Amino acid sequence: MKVKYIGESFYNGFGLTKNKTYECIEIEKDMLRIIDDEGEDYLYNANPKDWEIKQDKDGQLEKVLK
């Protein structure tokens, strides 16, 4: 699964960068486990205002981001 982060960038080089596409490796309730700019997986809030779906073969992202 792939998502584009459309929120504001934070923690330059360690967090998330605006308009960058990230790999989502898992969904845990209302959180997305994302490989961030540091290359580590971390849980981020699945706020639909912050994410745009780029690849969602099984529809899991669509369910959590609607």
N, C-alpha and C. Protein backbone atom coordinates (compact mmCIF):
# COMPACT_ATOMS: atom_id res chain seq x y z
N MET A 1 0.84 -1.17 0.00
CA MET A 1 0.00 0.00 0.00
C MET A 1 0.89 1.24 0.00
N LYS A 2 0.46 2.26 -0.72
CA LYS A 2 1.22 3.50 -0.78
C LYS A 2 0.29 4.69 -0.57
N VAL A 3 0.79 5.65 0.19
CA VAL A 3 0.03 6.87 0.47
C VAL A 3 0.93 8.08 0.29
N LYS A 4 0.32 9.17 -0.13
CA LYS A 4 1.03 10.44 -0.26
C LYS A 4 0.66 11.30 0.94
N TYR A 5 1.67 11.83 1.62
CA TYR A 5 1.43 12.69 2.77
C TYR A 5 1.19 14.11 2.27
N ILE A 6 0.02 14.67 2.57
CA ILE A 6 -0.32 16.01 2.10
C ILE A 6 -0.44 17.02 3.25
N GLY A 7 -0.07 16.57 4.45
CA GLY A 7 -0.03 17.47 5.60
C GLY A 7 1.26 18.28 5.55
N GLU A 8 1.50 19.05 6.60
CA GLU A 8 2.72 19.87 6.68
C GLU A 8 3.91 19.01 7.10
N SER A 9 5.06 19.24 6.49
CA SER A 9 6.29 18.52 6.83
C SER A 9 6.65 18.77 8.29
N PHE A 10 7.27 17.76 8.91
CA PHE A 10 7.77 17.93 10.28
C PHE A 10 8.95 17.00 10.52
N TYR A 11 9.78 17.36 11.48
CA TYR A 11 10.99 16.61 11.83
C TYR A 11 11.84 16.31 10.59
N ASN A 12 12.28 17.36 9.93
CA ASN A 12 13.04 17.26 8.69
C ASN A 12 14.06 16.11 8.72
N GLY A 13 13.89 15.17 7.81
CA GLY A 13 14.79 14.03 7.70
C GLY A 13 14.43 12.85 8.57
N PHE A 14 13.47 13.05 9.49
CA PHE A 14 13.10 11.97 10.41
C PHE A 14 11.61 11.68 10.41
N GLY A 15 10.78 12.66 10.09
CA GLY A 15 9.32 12.50 10.14
C GLY A 15 8.74 12.26 8.77
N LEU A 16 7.85 13.16 8.37
CA LEU A 16 7.18 13.06 7.08
C LEU A 16 7.34 14.36 6.31
N THR A 17 7.44 14.25 4.99
CA THR A 17 7.62 15.40 4.12
C THR A 17 6.37 15.59 3.26
N LYS A 18 5.88 16.83 3.23
CA LYS A 18 4.69 17.14 2.43
C LYS A 18 4.89 16.74 0.97
N ASN A 19 3.88 16.12 0.39
CA ASN A 19 3.82 15.67 -1.00
C ASN A 19 4.75 14.51 -1.34
N LYS A 20 5.24 13.82 -0.34
CA LYS A 20 6.08 12.63 -0.57
C LYS A 20 5.22 11.38 -0.41
N THR A 21 5.48 10.37 -1.23
CA THR A 21 4.75 9.11 -1.17
C THR A 21 5.51 8.13 -0.27
N TYR A 22 4.75 7.45 0.59
CA TYR A 22 5.31 6.53 1.57
C TYR A 22 4.67 5.15 1.47
N GLU A 23 5.42 4.16 1.89
CA GLU A 23 4.93 2.78 1.99
C GLU A 23 4.18 2.64 3.30
N CYS A 24 2.95 2.16 3.23
CA CYS A 24 2.16 1.83 4.42
C CYS A 24 2.21 0.32 4.56
N ILE A 25 2.85 -0.15 5.63
CA ILE A 25 3.04 -1.60 5.76
C ILE A 25 1.95 -2.29 6.57
N GLU A 26 1.15 -1.47 7.29
CA GLU A 26 0.10 -2.07 8.11
C GLU A 26 -0.88 -0.99 8.55
N ILE A 27 -2.10 -1.41 8.83
CA ILE A 27 -3.11 -0.53 9.41
C ILE A 27 -3.48 -1.11 10.76
N GLU A 28 -3.39 -0.28 11.80
CA GLU A 28 -3.74 -0.70 13.15
C GLU A 28 -4.81 0.23 13.69
N LYS A 29 -6.06 -0.24 13.69
CA LYS A 29 -7.23 0.54 14.07
C LYS A 29 -7.30 1.81 13.24
N ASP A 30 -7.08 2.98 13.81
CA ASP A 30 -7.14 4.23 13.05
C ASP A 30 -5.75 4.83 12.84
N MET A 31 -4.74 3.96 12.76
CA MET A 31 -3.35 4.39 12.59
C MET A 31 -2.74 3.67 11.38
N LEU A 32 -1.82 4.37 10.71
CA LEU A 32 -1.10 3.80 9.58
C LEU A 32 0.34 3.57 10.00
N ARG A 33 0.87 2.38 9.76
CA ARG A 33 2.28 2.11 10.03
C ARG A 33 3.04 2.44 8.74
N ILE A 34 3.79 3.53 8.80
CA ILE A 34 4.46 4.10 7.63
C ILE A 34 5.97 3.98 7.77
N ILE A 35 6.65 3.69 6.66
CA ILE A 35 8.11 3.80 6.63
C ILE A 35 8.41 5.28 6.39
N ASP A 36 8.92 5.97 7.42
CA ASP A 36 9.09 7.42 7.34
C ASP A 36 10.42 7.82 6.71
N ASP A 37 10.74 9.11 6.78
CA ASP A 37 11.95 9.64 6.14
C ASP A 37 13.24 9.05 6.72
N GLU A 38 13.19 8.58 7.94
CA GLU A 38 14.36 7.98 8.58
C GLU A 38 14.53 6.52 8.15
N GLY A 39 13.51 5.96 7.48
CA GLY A 39 13.56 4.57 7.05
C GLY A 39 13.05 3.61 8.11
N GLU A 40 12.47 4.16 9.17
CA GLU A 40 11.90 3.35 10.25
C GLU A 40 10.38 3.31 10.12
N ASP A 41 9.77 2.23 10.62
CA ASP A 41 8.31 2.19 10.61
C ASP A 41 7.79 2.83 11.89
N TYR A 42 6.74 3.62 11.75
CA TYR A 42 6.16 4.36 12.86
C TYR A 42 4.67 4.50 12.62
N LEU A 43 3.90 4.54 13.69
CA LEU A 43 2.45 4.71 13.56
C LEU A 43 2.08 6.18 13.46
N TYR A 44 1.27 6.50 12.45
CA TYR A 44 0.78 7.85 12.24
C TYR A 44 -0.74 7.83 12.18
N ASN A 45 -1.35 8.90 12.66
CA ASN A 45 -2.80 9.04 12.65
C ASN A 45 -3.33 8.97 11.21
N ALA A 46 -4.39 8.23 11.02
CA ALA A 46 -4.99 8.07 9.68
C ALA A 46 -6.01 9.18 9.42
N ASN A 47 -5.60 10.42 9.60
CA ASN A 47 -6.46 11.57 9.34
C ASN A 47 -6.59 11.75 7.82
N PRO A 48 -7.81 11.63 7.27
CA PRO A 48 -7.99 11.74 5.82
C PRO A 48 -7.50 13.06 5.23
N LYS A 49 -7.42 14.11 6.04
CA LYS A 49 -6.94 15.40 5.55
C LYS A 49 -5.44 15.40 5.30
N ASP A 50 -4.72 14.40 5.84
CA ASP A 50 -3.27 14.34 5.72
C ASP A 50 -2.76 13.34 4.69
N TRP A 51 -3.64 12.52 4.16
CA TRP A 51 -3.20 11.43 3.28
C TRP A 51 -4.00 11.34 1.99
N GLU A 52 -3.32 10.94 0.93
CA GLU A 52 -3.95 10.66 -0.37
C GLU A 52 -3.52 9.25 -0.76
N ILE A 53 -4.47 8.43 -1.11
CA ILE A 53 -4.18 7.04 -1.47
C ILE A 53 -3.53 6.99 -2.85
N LYS A 54 -2.40 6.29 -2.94
CA LYS A 54 -1.71 6.12 -4.21
C LYS A 54 -1.82 4.68 -4.71
N GLN A 55 -1.82 3.71 -3.79
CA GLN A 55 -1.93 2.30 -4.18
C GLN A 55 -2.63 1.55 -3.04
N ASP A 56 -3.75 0.92 -3.37
CA ASP A 56 -4.57 0.25 -2.36
C ASP A 56 -5.28 -0.93 -3.01
N LYS A 57 -4.55 -1.99 -3.26
CA LYS A 57 -5.07 -3.14 -4.01
C LYS A 57 -6.26 -3.82 -3.37
N ASP A 58 -6.30 -3.89 -2.04
CA ASP A 58 -7.37 -4.62 -1.38
C ASP A 58 -8.41 -3.72 -0.68
N GLY A 59 -8.29 -2.40 -0.84
CA GLY A 59 -9.28 -1.47 -0.31
C GLY A 59 -9.16 -1.16 1.18
N GLN A 60 -8.11 -1.62 1.84
CA GLN A 60 -7.94 -1.37 3.27
C GLN A 60 -7.75 0.12 3.58
N LEU A 61 -6.95 0.80 2.78
CA LEU A 61 -6.72 2.23 3.01
C LEU A 61 -7.99 3.04 2.81
N GLU A 62 -8.74 2.68 1.79
CA GLU A 62 -9.99 3.40 1.51
C GLU A 62 -10.93 3.32 2.70
N LYS A 63 -10.99 2.17 3.35
CA LYS A 63 -11.87 2.00 4.51
C LYS A 63 -11.46 2.90 5.67
N VAL A 64 -10.17 2.99 5.95
CA VAL A 64 -9.71 3.76 7.11
C VAL A 64 -9.59 5.26 6.83
N LEU A 65 -9.44 5.65 5.57
CA LEU A 65 -9.24 7.06 5.23
C LEU A 65 -10.49 7.76 4.68
N LYS A 66 -11.65 7.11 4.82
CA LYS A 66 -12.86 7.77 4.30
C LYS A 66 -13.50 8.69 5.31
